[in-house]
Amino acid sequence: MDMIDVVLPCLDEAAALPLVLNALPQGFRAIVVDNGSADGSPEIAGNLGAKVIHEPRKGYGAAVHTGLEYATSDLVCFMDADASLDPADLPRLVEALHDGADMAVGKRVPVRRGVWPWHARAGNAVLAALMRRRGLAVTDIAPIRAAHREKLLALGIQDRAFGYPLELLVRAAENHWRVTELEVGYRSRAAGTKSKVSGSVKGTLRAIRDMSGVLR
């Protein structure tokens, strides 16, 4: 089986990286895109066998897109590096591509109460509803997905901040992509790490601002 690249945008995820990288299924290899960590994350990732790329431009989209450009596999996966998502779900997303999907995305299902703060859930629900109005049947703007590398690059996504995931879905809808949504478990982040989005109301509002700009 050909190796499949997994792009992991990273900002101060030293506590989570061992959990994530050691859990990658066979046949998947990590590309950790460091976005300016100050906690030794790049060194930890490198010691665990990941390919480490440094992206000095701040922003989730900048890190993700740089990882996509450095990937070499035909199919590419993306997921957060904070241990809130289980790498064991990646093969199911890839299988959906083999079954004909242009892209497979996750629908987060909290494994216990309190994992997903109310403000993050509310903002996510509003954005997902807007996507359904555009004809794309998704219920989550989730940070775990799999797609064909060349097709992703051809979309020409411009956002380099938190609006990246939404612009990806908008452009996928415009291009009539077949998008498959699969349930994935959503857990607490690794101890000692903090979400840049859902960890605070401010972070969530900043993400909504970026995503609203995409819709405009």
C-alpha atoms as a PDB file:
ATOM      1  CA  MET A   1       0.000   0.000   0.000  1.00  0.00           C
ATOM      2  CA  ASP A   2       1.284   3.463  -0.887  1.00  0.00           C
ATOM      3  CA  MET A   3       2.003   5.722   2.067  1.00  0.00           C
ATOM      4  CA  ILE A   4      -0.519   8.497   2.708  1.00  0.00           C
ATOM      5  CA  ASP A   5       0.627  11.857   4.051  1.00  0.00           C
ATOM      6  CA  VAL A   6      -1.131  13.287   7.113  1.00  0.00           C
ATOM      7  CA  VAL A   7      -0.757  17.059   7.503  1.00  0.00           C
ATOM      8  CA  LEU A   8      -0.749  18.186  11.137  1.00  0.00           C
ATOM      9  CA  PRO A   9      -0.757  21.968  11.702  1.00  0.00           C
ATOM     10  CA  CYS A  10       1.051  22.574  14.964  1.00  0.00           C
ATOM     11  CA  LEU A  11       1.412  25.417  17.446  1.00  0.00           C
ATOM     12  CA  ASP A  12       2.710  24.491  20.915  1.00  0.00           C
ATOM     13  CA  GLU A  13       1.497  20.888  20.924  1.00  0.00           C
ATOM     14  CA  ALA A  14       4.455  19.275  22.724  1.00  0.00           C
ATOM     15  CA  ALA A  15       2.214  17.357  25.138  1.00  0.00           C
ATOM     16  CA  ALA A  16      -0.047  16.036  22.393  1.00  0.00           C
ATOM     17  CA  LEU A  17       2.357  15.100  19.615  1.00  0.00           C
ATOM     18  CA  PRO A  18       3.551  11.789  21.115  1.00  0.00           C
ATOM     19  CA  LEU A  19      -0.068  10.685  21.525  1.00  0.00           C
ATOM     20  CA  VAL A  20      -0.957  11.591  17.954  1.00  0.00           C
ATOM     21  CA  LEU A  21       2.162  10.445  16.125  1.00  0.00           C
ATOM     22  CA  ASN A  22       2.423   7.128  17.949  1.00  0.00           C
ATOM     23  CA  ALA A  23      -1.221   6.397  17.095  1.00  0.00           C
ATOM     24  CA  LEU A  24      -0.944   6.874  13.323  1.00  0.00           C
ATOM     25  CA  PRO A  25      -2.118   3.711  11.570  1.00  0.00           C
ATOM     26  CA  GLN A  26       0.222   1.706   9.395  1.00  0.00           C
ATOM     27  CA  GLY A  27       0.534   3.237   5.942  1.00  0.00           C
ATOM     28  CA  PHE A  28       0.207   6.843   7.132  1.00  0.00           C
ATOM     29  CA  ARG A  29       3.130   9.242   7.583  1.00  0.00           C
ATOM     30  CA  ALA A  30       3.125  12.556   9.400  1.00  0.00           C
ATOM     31  CA  ILE A  31       3.958  16.005   8.076  1.00  0.00           C
ATOM     32  CA  VAL A  32       4.023  18.337  11.081  1.00  0.00           C
ATOM     33  CA  VAL A  33       3.813  21.967   9.995  1.00  0.00           C
ATOM     34  CA  ASP A  34       5.081  24.082  12.863  1.00  0.00           C
ATOM     35  CA  ASN A  35       3.538  27.543  13.027  1.00  0.00           C
ATOM     36  CA  GLY A  36       5.927  29.148  15.499  1.00  0.00           C
ATOM     37  CA  SER A  37       5.921  26.851  18.535  1.00  0.00           C
ATOM     38  CA  ALA A  38       7.916  27.861  21.610  1.00  0.00           C
ATOM     39  CA  ASP A  39       7.612  24.576  23.513  1.00  0.00           C
ATOM     40  CA  GLY A  40       9.909  22.312  21.517  1.00  0.00           C
ATOM     41  CA  SER A  41       7.167  20.824  19.339  1.00  0.00           C
ATOM     42  CA  PRO A  42       9.307  20.640  16.157  1.00  0.00           C
ATOM     43  CA  GLU A  43      12.079  18.728  17.928  1.00  0.00           C
ATOM     44  CA  ILE A  44       9.599  16.297  19.489  1.00  0.00           C
ATOM     45  CA  ALA A  45       7.921  15.677  16.145  1.00  0.00           C
ATOM     46  CA  GLY A  46      11.246  15.100  14.420  1.00  0.00           C
ATOM     47  CA  ASN A  47      12.410  12.677  17.089  1.00  0.00           C
ATOM     48  CA  LEU A  48       9.192  10.706  16.617  1.00  0.00           C
ATOM     49  CA  GLY A  49       9.855  10.316  12.892  1.00  0.00           C
ATOM     50  CA  ALA A  50       7.658  13.033  11.446  1.00  0.00           C
ATOM     51  CA  LYS A  51       8.678  15.260   8.582  1.00  0.00           C
ATOM     52  CA  VAL A  52       8.804  18.758  10.072  1.00  0.00           C
ATOM     53  CA  ILE A  53       8.073  21.870   8.026  1.00  0.00           C
ATOM     54  CA  HIS A  54       8.317  25.407   9.399  1.00  0.00           C
ATOM     55  CA  GLU A  55       5.671  27.908   8.301  1.00  0.00           C
ATOM     56  CA  PRO A  56       6.473  31.424   9.603  1.00  0.00           C
ATOM     57  CA  ARG A  57       3.200  32.977   8.408  1.00  0.00           C
ATOM     58  CA  LYS A  58       0.755  32.799  11.285  1.00  0.00           C
ATOM     59  CA  GLY A  59      -2.571  31.119  10.622  1.00  0.00           C
ATOM     60  CA  TYR A  60      -4.247  27.723  10.455  1.00  0.00           C
ATOM     61  CA  GLY A  61      -4.728  27.994   6.708  1.00  0.00           C
ATOM     62  CA  ALA A  62      -1.101  28.905   6.122  1.00  0.00           C
ATOM     63  CA  ALA A  63       0.076  25.819   8.008  1.00  0.00           C
ATOM     64  CA  VAL A  64      -2.407  23.489   6.332  1.00  0.00           C
ATOM     65  CA  HIS A  65      -1.740  24.735   2.813  1.00  0.00           C
ATOM     66  CA  THR A  66       2.027  24.550   3.253  1.00  0.00           C
ATOM     67  CA  GLY A  67       1.645  20.958   4.393  1.00  0.00           C
ATOM     68  CA  LEU A  68      -0.463  20.214   1.327  1.00  0.00           C
ATOM     69  CA  GLU A  69       2.218  21.669  -0.931  1.00  0.00           C
ATOM     70  CA  TYR A  70       4.927  19.546   0.719  1.00  0.00           C
ATOM     71  CA  ALA A  71       2.857  16.346   0.611  1.00  0.00           C
ATOM     72  CA  THR A  72       3.752  13.867  -2.136  1.00  0.00           C
ATOM     73  CA  SER A  73       1.026  11.222  -1.848  1.00  0.00           C
ATOM     74  CA  ASP A  74      -1.960  11.209  -4.200  1.00  0.00           C
ATOM     75  CA  LEU A  75      -4.353  11.159  -1.234  1.00  0.00           C
ATOM     76  CA  VAL A  76      -3.736  13.481   1.719  1.00  0.00           C
ATOM     77  CA  CYS A  77      -5.281  13.595   5.197  1.00  0.00           C
ATOM     78  CA  PHE A  78      -5.499  16.525   7.594  1.00  0.00           C
ATOM     79  CA  MET A  79      -6.140  16.606  11.318  1.00  0.00           C
ATOM     80  CA  ASP A  80      -5.354  18.724  14.353  1.00  0.00           C
ATOM     81  CA  ALA A  81      -2.238  17.834  16.353  1.00  0.00           C
ATOM     82  CA  ASP A  82      -3.853  18.350  19.763  1.00  0.00           C
ATOM     83  CA  ALA A  83      -4.971  14.722  20.360  1.00  0.00           C
ATOM     84  CA  SER A  84      -8.665  15.671  20.278  1.00  0.00           C
ATOM     85  CA  LEU A  85      -9.131  13.437  17.229  1.00  0.00           C
ATOM     86  CA  ASP A  86      -8.228   9.773  16.821  1.00  0.00           C
ATOM     87  CA  PRO A  87      -5.835   8.886  13.968  1.00  0.00           C
ATOM     88  CA  ALA A  88      -7.564   5.492  13.851  1.00  0.00           C
ATOM     89  CA  ASP A  89     -10.409   7.238  11.988  1.00  0.00           C
ATOM     90  CA  LEU A  90      -8.178   8.167   9.043  1.00  0.00           C
ATOM     91  CA  PRO A  91      -8.471   4.837   7.162  1.00  0.00           C
ATOM     92  CA  ARG A  92     -12.273   5.210   7.070  1.00  0.00           C
ATOM     93  CA  LEU A  93     -11.935   8.640   5.477  1.00  0.00           C
ATOM     94  CA  VAL A  94      -9.505   7.275   2.905  1.00  0.00           C
ATOM     95  CA  GLU A  95     -11.838   4.359   2.158  1.00  0.00           C
ATOM     96  CA  ALA A  96     -14.563   6.871   1.285  1.00  0.00           C
ATOM     97  CA  LEU A  97     -12.238   8.331  -1.355  1.00  0.00           C
ATOM     98  CA  HIS A  98     -11.672   4.877  -2.810  1.00  0.00           C
ATOM     99  CA  ASP A  99     -15.459   4.527  -2.935  1.00  0.00           C
ATOM    100  CA  GLY A 100     -15.748   7.602  -5.144  1.00  0.00           C
ATOM    101  CA  ALA A 101     -15.843  10.627  -2.860  1.00  0.00           C
ATOM    102  CA  ASP A 102     -13.833  13.685  -3.837  1.00  0.00           C
ATOM    103  CA  MET A 103     -13.393  14.495  -0.163  1.00  0.00           C
ATOM    104  CA  ALA A 104     -14.252  12.832   3.151  1.00  0.00           C
ATOM    105  CA  VAL A 105     -14.795  14.956   6.252  1.00  0.00           C
ATOM    106  CA  GLY A 106     -15.416  14.211   9.902  1.00  0.00           C
ATOM    107  CA  LYS A 107     -18.519  14.881  11.948  1.00  0.00           C
ATOM    108  CA  ARG A 108     -17.319  15.303  15.519  1.00  0.00           C
ATOM    109  CA  VAL A 109     -19.153  13.280  18.159  1.00  0.00           C
ATOM    110  CA  PRO A 110     -18.051  14.221  21.697  1.00  0.00           C
ATOM    111  CA  VAL A 111     -17.027  11.189  23.728  1.00  0.00           C
ATOM    112  CA  ARG A 112     -18.237  12.845  26.939  1.00  0.00           C
ATOM    113  CA  ARG A 113     -20.003  15.987  28.140  1.00  0.00           C
ATOM    114  CA  GLY A 114     -18.028  19.214  28.182  1.00  0.00           C
ATOM    115  CA  VAL A 115     -15.547  18.248  25.485  1.00  0.00           C
ATOM    116  CA  TRP A 116     -16.976  20.723  22.963  1.00  0.00           C
ATOM    117  CA  PRO A 117     -17.721  24.170  24.513  1.00  0.00           C
ATOM    118  CA  TRP A 118     -21.142  25.649  23.789  1.00  0.00           C
ATOM    119  CA  HIS A 119     -19.773  28.701  21.974  1.00  0.00           C
ATOM    120  CA  ALA A 120     -17.749  26.543  19.582  1.00  0.00           C
ATOM    121  CA  ARG A 121     -20.694  24.204  18.923  1.00  0.00           C
ATOM    122  CA  ALA A 122     -23.029  27.126  18.256  1.00  0.00           C
ATOM    123  CA  GLY A 123     -20.702  28.853  15.812  1.00  0.00           C
ATOM    124  CA  ASN A 124     -20.016  25.590  14.028  1.00  0.00           C
ATOM    125  CA  ALA A 125     -23.729  24.807  13.692  1.00  0.00           C
ATOM    126  CA  VAL A 126     -24.451  28.185  12.085  1.00  0.00           C
ATOM    127  CA  LEU A 127     -21.668  27.789   9.537  1.00  0.00           C
ATOM    128  CA  ALA A 128     -22.665  24.215   8.698  1.00  0.00           C
ATOM    129  CA  ALA A 129     -26.237  25.370   8.120  1.00  0.00           C
ATOM    130  CA  LEU A 130     -24.990  28.009   5.688  1.00  0.00           C
ATOM    131  CA  MET A 131     -23.077  25.311   3.808  1.00  0.00           C
ATOM    132  CA  ARG A 132     -26.212  23.159   3.529  1.00  0.00           C
ATOM    133  CA  ARG A 133     -27.973  26.141   1.952  1.00  0.00           C
ATOM    134  CA  ARG A 134     -25.232  26.061  -0.660  1.00  0.00           C
ATOM    135  CA  GLY A 135     -26.009  22.426  -1.401  1.00  0.00           C
ATOM    136  CA  LEU A 136     -23.287  20.683   0.589  1.00  0.00           C
ATOM    137  CA  ALA A 137     -24.790  18.204   3.044  1.00  0.00           C
ATOM    138  CA  VAL A 138     -22.452  18.642   6.028  1.00  0.00           C
ATOM    139  CA  THR A 139     -23.232  19.168   9.700  1.00  0.00           C
ATOM    140  CA  ASP A 140     -19.741  20.077  10.918  1.00  0.00           C
ATOM    141  CA  ILE A 141     -16.820  22.248   9.808  1.00  0.00           C
ATOM    142  CA  ALA A 142     -14.432  19.651  11.186  1.00  0.00           C
ATOM    143  CA  PRO A 143     -10.612  19.800  11.269  1.00  0.00           C
ATOM    144  CA  ILE A 144     -10.217  16.216  10.040  1.00  0.00           C
ATOM    145  CA  ARG A 145     -10.542  15.402   6.358  1.00  0.00           C
ATOM    146  CA  ALA A 146      -9.085  13.458   3.441  1.00  0.00           C
ATOM    147  CA  ALA A 147      -8.981  14.381  -0.232  1.00  0.00           C
ATOM    148  CA  HIS A 148      -7.093  14.043  -3.494  1.00  0.00           C
ATOM    149  CA  ARG A 149      -4.007  16.267  -3.399  1.00  0.00           C
ATOM    150  CA  GLU A 150      -4.136  17.566  -6.961  1.00  0.00           C
ATOM    151  CA  LYS A 151      -7.857  18.310  -6.746  1.00  0.00           C
ATOM    152  CA  LEU A 152      -7.286  20.278  -3.543  1.00  0.00           C
ATOM    153  CA  LEU A 153      -4.532  22.360  -5.095  1.00  0.00           C
ATOM    154  CA  ALA A 154      -6.726  23.051  -8.135  1.00  0.00           C
ATOM    155  CA  LEU A 155      -9.399  24.634  -5.901  1.00  0.00           C
ATOM    156  CA  GLY A 156      -7.131  27.644  -5.415  1.00  0.00           C
ATOM    157  CA  ILE A 157      -8.031  28.280  -1.767  1.00  0.00           C
ATOM    158  CA  GLN A 158      -6.872  31.759  -0.735  1.00  0.00           C
ATOM    159  CA  ASP A 159      -7.624  32.033   2.995  1.00  0.00           C
ATOM    160  CA  ARG A 160      -4.615  31.456   5.239  1.00  0.00           C
ATOM    161  CA  ALA A 161      -6.332  31.955   8.597  1.00  0.00           C
ATOM    162  CA  PHE A 162      -9.264  30.234  10.329  1.00  0.00           C
ATOM    163  CA  GLY A 163     -11.454  30.675   7.261  1.00  0.00           C
ATOM    164  CA  TYR A 164      -9.535  27.971   5.371  1.00  0.00           C
ATOM    165  CA  PRO A 165     -11.809  25.005   6.245  1.00  0.00           C
ATOM    166  CA  LEU A 166     -14.923  26.914   5.243  1.00  0.00           C
ATOM    167  CA  GLU A 167     -13.465  28.194   1.978  1.00  0.00           C
ATOM    168  CA  LEU A 168     -12.505  24.608   1.212  1.00  0.00           C
ATOM    169  CA  LEU A 169     -16.140  23.523   1.567  1.00  0.00           C
ATOM    170  CA  VAL A 170     -17.440  26.545  -0.350  1.00  0.00           C
ATOM    171  CA  ARG A 171     -15.166  25.825  -3.293  1.00  0.00           C
ATOM    172  CA  ALA A 172     -15.943  22.106  -3.112  1.00  0.00           C
ATOM    173  CA  ALA A 173     -19.647  22.948  -3.390  1.00  0.00           C
ATOM    174  CA  GLU A 174     -19.019  25.303  -6.309  1.00  0.00           C
ATOM    175  CA  ASN A 175     -17.169  22.522  -8.108  1.00  0.00           C
ATOM    176  CA  HIS A 176     -19.890  19.958  -7.380  1.00  0.00           C
ATOM    177  CA  TRP A 177     -17.629  17.698  -5.369  1.00  0.00           C
ATOM    178  CA  ARG A 178     -19.029  14.560  -3.823  1.00  0.00           C
ATOM    179  CA  VAL A 179     -18.329  15.042  -0.113  1.00  0.00           C
ATOM    180  CA  THR A 180     -18.842  12.199   2.360  1.00  0.00           C
ATOM    181  CA  GLU A 181     -19.275  13.002   6.055  1.00  0.00           C
ATOM    182  CA  LEU A 182     -18.383  10.331   8.644  1.00  0.00           C
ATOM    183  CA  GLU A 183     -18.755  10.379  12.408  1.00  0.00           C
ATOM    184  CA  VAL A 184     -15.490  10.627  14.347  1.00  0.00           C
ATOM    185  CA  GLY A 185     -14.906  10.677  18.075  1.00  0.00           C
ATOM    186  CA  TYR A 186     -14.044  14.046  19.620  1.00  0.00           C
ATOM    187  CA  ARG A 187     -12.025  14.020  22.825  1.00  0.00           C
ATOM    188  CA  SER A 188     -10.473  16.470  25.244  1.00  0.00           C
ATOM    189  CA  ARG A 189      -7.223  17.982  24.082  1.00  0.00           C
ATOM    190  CA  ALA A 190      -4.027  16.661  25.611  1.00  0.00           C
ATOM    191  CA  ALA A 191      -3.314  18.098  29.056  1.00  0.00           C
ATOM    192  CA  GLY A 192      -1.135  21.184  28.903  1.00  0.00           C
ATOM    193  CA  THR A 193      -2.419  22.349  25.507  1.00  0.00           C
ATOM    194  CA  LYS A 194      -5.054  24.933  24.676  1.00  0.00           C
ATOM    195  CA  SER A 195      -7.270  25.296  21.638  1.00  0.00           C
ATOM    196  CA  LYS A 196      -6.657  28.382  19.521  1.00  0.00           C
ATOM    197  CA  VAL A 197     -10.354  28.408  18.558  1.00  0.00           C
ATOM    198  CA  SER A 198     -12.696  26.570  20.924  1.00  0.00           C
ATOM    199  CA  GLY A 199     -10.588  27.220  24.019  1.00  0.00           C
ATOM    200  CA  SER A 200     -12.134  30.668  24.443  1.00  0.00           C
ATOM    201  CA  VAL A 201     -15.068  32.746  23.282  1.00  0.00           C
ATOM    202  CA  LYS A 202     -12.562  35.199  21.783  1.00  0.00           C
ATOM    203  CA  GLY A 203     -10.946  32.457  19.735  1.00  0.00           C
ATOM    204  CA  THR A 204     -14.299  31.234  18.490  1.00  0.00           C
ATOM    205  CA  LEU A 205     -15.371  34.746  17.506  1.00  0.00           C
ATOM    206  CA  ARG A 206     -12.097  35.254  15.646  1.00  0.00           C
ATOM    207  CA  ALA A 207     -12.693  32.039  13.698  1.00  0.00           C
ATOM    208  CA  ILE A 208     -16.269  33.068  12.893  1.00  0.00           C
ATOM    209  CA  ARG A 209     -14.986  36.452  11.707  1.00  0.00           C
ATOM    210  CA  ASP A 210     -12.510  34.796   9.351  1.00  0.00           C
ATOM    211  CA  MET A 211     -15.117  32.361   8.071  1.00  0.00           C
ATOM    212  CA  SER A 212     -17.727  35.085   7.608  1.00  0.00           C
ATOM    213  CA  GLY A 213     -15.223  36.898   5.417  1.00  0.00           C
ATOM    214  CA  VAL A 214     -15.010  33.813   3.241  1.00  0.00           C
ATOM    215  CA  LEU A 215     -18.793  33.733   2.780  1.00  0.00           C
ATOM    216  CA  ARG A 216     -18.848  37.422   1.866  1.00  0.00           C
END
